[in-house]
Amino acid sequence: MVLPQDIKQYIEAGLPCERVEVSGDGHHFEAIIVSHLFAGKSRVAQHQLVYQALGDRMRQEIHALSMRTLTPEQWAALGGH
């Protein structure tokens, strides 16, 4: 079974991130991902970067992942540090 920590490590290994938070029950996961690479990209393009980082795991191991992607500036504006 895939754990939230596993997904966090997969994302961090494939995408330079300032922050990654993942929660879930082993079947459904939610992630907050903060990366400077998201700047100037549409939400779809941001999500595609995350899917690329996860690679085949999205089809084989991870069945449901909802994500919120933010630039560091957006994260800071929300009060994140």
N, C-alpha and C. Protein backbone atom coordinates (compact mmCIF):
# COMPACT_ATOMS: atom_id res chain seq x y z
N MET A 1 0.84 -1.18 0.00
CA MET A 1 0.00 0.00 0.00
C MET A 1 0.89 1.24 0.00
N VAL A 2 0.49 2.21 -0.77
CA VAL A 2 1.21 3.47 -0.86
C VAL A 2 0.80 4.36 0.31
N LEU A 3 1.79 4.98 0.93
CA LEU A 3 1.55 5.89 2.04
C LEU A 3 1.74 7.33 1.60
N PRO A 4 1.14 8.28 2.32
CA PRO A 4 1.34 9.69 1.97
C PRO A 4 2.82 10.08 1.90
N GLN A 5 3.64 9.55 2.80
CA GLN A 5 5.07 9.85 2.79
C GLN A 5 5.73 9.40 1.49
N ASP A 6 5.26 8.26 0.96
CA ASP A 6 5.80 7.75 -0.31
C ASP A 6 5.53 8.73 -1.44
N ILE A 7 4.30 9.20 -1.53
CA ILE A 7 3.93 10.12 -2.59
C ILE A 7 4.73 11.42 -2.45
N LYS A 8 4.90 11.88 -1.22
CA LYS A 8 5.70 13.08 -0.97
C LYS A 8 7.12 12.89 -1.50
N GLN A 9 7.72 11.75 -1.21
CA GLN A 9 9.07 11.46 -1.67
C GLN A 9 9.13 11.36 -3.19
N TYR A 10 8.14 10.73 -3.81
CA TYR A 10 8.11 10.61 -5.27
C TYR A 10 8.08 12.00 -5.92
N ILE A 11 7.22 12.88 -5.39
CA ILE A 11 7.10 14.22 -5.96
C ILE A 11 8.40 14.98 -5.78
N GLU A 12 8.96 14.95 -4.56
CA GLU A 12 10.19 15.68 -4.28
C GLU A 12 11.37 15.16 -5.11
N ALA A 13 11.36 13.87 -5.43
CA ALA A 13 12.45 13.30 -6.23
C ALA A 13 12.38 13.74 -7.68
N GLY A 14 11.17 14.04 -8.17
CA GLY A 14 11.01 14.36 -9.58
C GLY A 14 10.72 15.80 -9.91
N LEU A 15 10.59 16.64 -8.87
CA LEU A 15 10.20 18.04 -9.11
C LEU A 15 10.80 18.90 -8.00
N PRO A 16 11.56 19.95 -8.37
CA PRO A 16 12.09 20.82 -7.33
C PRO A 16 10.95 21.58 -6.64
N CYS A 17 10.80 21.34 -5.35
CA CYS A 17 9.69 21.93 -4.60
C CYS A 17 10.21 22.65 -3.37
N GLU A 18 9.51 23.71 -3.01
CA GLU A 18 9.79 24.40 -1.77
C GLU A 18 9.04 23.76 -0.62
N ARG A 19 7.90 23.13 -0.94
CA ARG A 19 7.09 22.48 0.09
C ARG A 19 6.19 21.44 -0.56
N VAL A 20 6.05 20.30 0.11
CA VAL A 20 5.10 19.27 -0.31
C VAL A 20 4.44 18.71 0.95
N GLU A 21 3.13 18.72 0.96
CA GLU A 21 2.35 18.12 2.04
C GLU A 21 1.39 17.13 1.40
N VAL A 22 1.37 15.90 1.91
CA VAL A 22 0.46 14.89 1.37
C VAL A 22 -0.26 14.22 2.53
N SER A 23 -1.55 14.07 2.40
CA SER A 23 -2.34 13.32 3.38
C SER A 23 -3.20 12.33 2.60
N GLY A 24 -3.66 11.30 3.29
CA GLY A 24 -4.51 10.34 2.62
C GLY A 24 -4.67 9.07 3.42
N ASP A 25 -5.53 8.20 2.90
CA ASP A 25 -5.88 6.97 3.61
C ASP A 25 -5.33 5.71 2.93
N GLY A 26 -4.44 5.87 1.96
CA GLY A 26 -3.92 4.72 1.24
C GLY A 26 -4.60 4.50 -0.10
N HIS A 27 -5.76 5.13 -0.28
CA HIS A 27 -6.49 5.02 -1.54
C HIS A 27 -6.71 6.39 -2.18
N HIS A 28 -7.09 7.35 -1.37
CA HIS A 28 -7.34 8.71 -1.82
C HIS A 28 -6.35 9.63 -1.12
N PHE A 29 -5.72 10.50 -1.91
CA PHE A 29 -4.69 11.38 -1.38
C PHE A 29 -4.97 12.82 -1.76
N GLU A 30 -4.51 13.73 -0.90
CA GLU A 30 -4.57 15.16 -1.17
C GLU A 30 -3.17 15.72 -0.99
N ALA A 31 -2.77 16.60 -1.88
CA ALA A 31 -1.42 17.17 -1.81
C ALA A 31 -1.46 18.67 -2.01
N ILE A 32 -0.58 19.35 -1.28
CA ILE A 32 -0.27 20.75 -1.51
C ILE A 32 1.17 20.78 -1.97
N ILE A 33 1.40 21.34 -3.14
CA ILE A 33 2.75 21.35 -3.72
C ILE A 33 3.11 22.79 -4.07
N VAL A 34 4.23 23.24 -3.54
CA VAL A 34 4.71 24.60 -3.79
C VAL A 34 6.03 24.49 -4.55
N SER A 35 6.07 25.07 -5.75
CA SER A 35 7.27 25.01 -6.57
C SER A 35 7.40 26.29 -7.40
N HIS A 36 8.63 26.76 -7.51
CA HIS A 36 8.89 27.93 -8.35
C HIS A 36 8.66 27.62 -9.83
N LEU A 37 8.68 26.33 -10.19
CA LEU A 37 8.44 25.95 -11.59
C LEU A 37 7.00 26.20 -12.03
N PHE A 38 6.10 26.41 -11.09
CA PHE A 38 4.70 26.65 -11.43
C PHE A 38 4.46 28.09 -11.91
N ALA A 39 5.39 28.98 -11.67
CA ALA A 39 5.21 30.39 -12.03
C ALA A 39 4.94 30.54 -13.52
N GLY A 40 3.89 31.26 -13.85
CA GLY A 40 3.55 31.55 -15.24
C GLY A 40 2.88 30.41 -15.98
N LYS A 41 2.62 29.29 -15.29
CA LYS A 41 1.99 28.14 -15.95
C LYS A 41 0.52 28.04 -15.53
N SER A 42 -0.29 27.52 -16.43
CA SER A 42 -1.70 27.29 -16.11
C SER A 42 -1.79 26.18 -15.06
N ARG A 43 -2.94 26.09 -14.42
CA ARG A 43 -3.16 25.03 -13.43
C ARG A 43 -2.97 23.65 -14.07
N VAL A 44 -3.44 23.49 -15.29
CA VAL A 44 -3.28 22.21 -15.99
C VAL A 44 -1.80 21.89 -16.20
N ALA A 45 -1.03 22.88 -16.64
CA ALA A 45 0.41 22.67 -16.86
C ALA A 45 1.12 22.36 -15.54
N GLN A 46 0.69 23.00 -14.46
CA GLN A 46 1.28 22.72 -13.15
C GLN A 46 1.01 21.27 -12.74
N HIS A 47 -0.21 20.83 -12.92
CA HIS A 47 -0.56 19.45 -12.57
C HIS A 47 0.19 18.46 -13.45
N GLN A 48 0.39 18.80 -14.72
CA GLN A 48 1.14 17.92 -15.61
C GLN A 48 2.57 17.74 -15.12
N LEU A 49 3.18 18.79 -14.57
CA LEU A 49 4.53 18.67 -14.00
C LEU A 49 4.54 17.67 -12.85
N VAL A 50 3.51 17.71 -12.02
CA VAL A 50 3.42 16.77 -10.89
C VAL A 50 3.22 15.35 -11.42
N TYR A 51 2.34 15.20 -12.40
CA TYR A 51 2.11 13.87 -12.98
C TYR A 51 3.38 13.31 -13.61
N GLN A 52 4.16 14.17 -14.25
CA GLN A 52 5.44 13.73 -14.81
C GLN A 52 6.38 13.26 -13.72
N ALA A 53 6.40 13.97 -12.59
CA ALA A 53 7.26 13.57 -11.47
C ALA A 53 6.83 12.21 -10.92
N LEU A 54 5.53 11.95 -10.91
CA LEU A 54 5.03 10.67 -10.39
C LEU A 54 5.16 9.55 -11.41
N GLY A 55 5.20 9.89 -12.69
CA GLY A 55 5.39 8.90 -13.75
C GLY A 55 4.36 7.78 -13.72
N ASP A 56 4.82 6.56 -13.93
CA ASP A 56 3.93 5.40 -14.00
C ASP A 56 3.22 5.11 -12.69
N ARG A 57 3.71 5.65 -11.61
CA ARG A 57 3.06 5.42 -10.31
C ARG A 57 1.62 5.91 -10.31
N MET A 58 1.33 6.95 -11.12
CA MET A 58 -0.05 7.46 -11.18
C MET A 58 -1.00 6.41 -11.74
N ARG A 59 -0.52 5.58 -12.61
CA ARG A 59 -1.39 4.55 -13.19
C ARG A 59 -1.37 3.27 -12.36
N GLN A 60 -0.24 2.97 -11.74
CA GLN A 60 -0.08 1.68 -11.09
C GLN A 60 -0.35 1.70 -9.58
N GLU A 61 0.14 2.73 -8.89
CA GLU A 61 0.07 2.72 -7.43
C GLU A 61 -0.90 3.74 -6.85
N ILE A 62 -1.03 4.88 -7.51
CA ILE A 62 -1.82 5.99 -6.96
C ILE A 62 -3.09 6.11 -7.80
N HIS A 63 -4.22 5.89 -7.16
CA HIS A 63 -5.46 5.85 -7.92
C HIS A 63 -6.26 7.15 -7.83
N ALA A 64 -6.11 7.87 -6.74
CA ALA A 64 -6.85 9.12 -6.60
C ALA A 64 -5.99 10.15 -5.88
N LEU A 65 -5.63 11.20 -6.60
CA LEU A 65 -4.81 12.26 -6.03
C LEU A 65 -5.41 13.61 -6.41
N SER A 66 -5.84 14.35 -5.41
CA SER A 66 -6.25 15.72 -5.67
C SER A 66 -5.11 16.60 -5.19
N MET A 67 -4.83 17.65 -5.93
CA MET A 67 -3.69 18.48 -5.57
C MET A 67 -4.01 19.96 -5.71
N ARG A 68 -3.30 20.70 -4.90
CA ARG A 68 -3.33 22.15 -4.98
C ARG A 68 -1.90 22.58 -5.25
N THR A 69 -1.69 23.22 -6.37
CA THR A 69 -0.35 23.65 -6.76
C THR A 69 -0.25 25.16 -6.62
N LEU A 70 0.87 25.60 -6.03
CA LEU A 70 1.07 27.02 -5.75
C LEU A 70 2.52 27.41 -6.02
N THR A 71 2.71 28.65 -6.40
CA THR A 71 4.06 29.21 -6.47
C THR A 71 4.45 29.60 -5.04
N PRO A 72 5.74 29.81 -4.78
CA PRO A 72 6.13 30.27 -3.44
C PRO A 72 5.45 31.58 -3.05
N GLU A 73 5.25 32.46 -4.00
CA GLU A 73 4.59 33.73 -3.72
C GLU A 73 3.12 33.53 -3.32
N GLN A 74 2.44 32.63 -4.03
CA GLN A 74 1.05 32.34 -3.69
C GLN A 74 0.97 31.71 -2.30
N TRP A 75 1.89 30.81 -2.01
CA TRP A 75 1.92 30.15 -0.70
C TRP A 75 2.15 31.18 0.41
N ALA A 76 3.10 32.09 0.20
CA ALA A 76 3.39 33.12 1.19
C ALA A 76 2.17 34.02 1.41
N ALA A 77 1.45 34.34 0.32
CA ALA A 77 0.27 35.19 0.43
C ALA A 77 -0.83 34.53 1.25
N LEU A 78 -0.82 33.20 1.29
CA LEU A 78 -1.79 32.47 2.09
C LEU A 78 -1.34 32.31 3.55
N GLY A 79 -0.15 32.82 3.85
CA GLY A 79 0.36 32.73 5.21
C GLY A 79 1.31 31.58 5.43
N GLY A 80 1.69 30.88 4.36
CA GLY A 80 2.65 29.78 4.48
C GLY A 80 4.06 30.29 4.64
N HIS A 81 4.90 29.49 5.23
CA HIS A 81 6.30 29.89 5.44
C HIS A 81 7.24 28.84 4.90
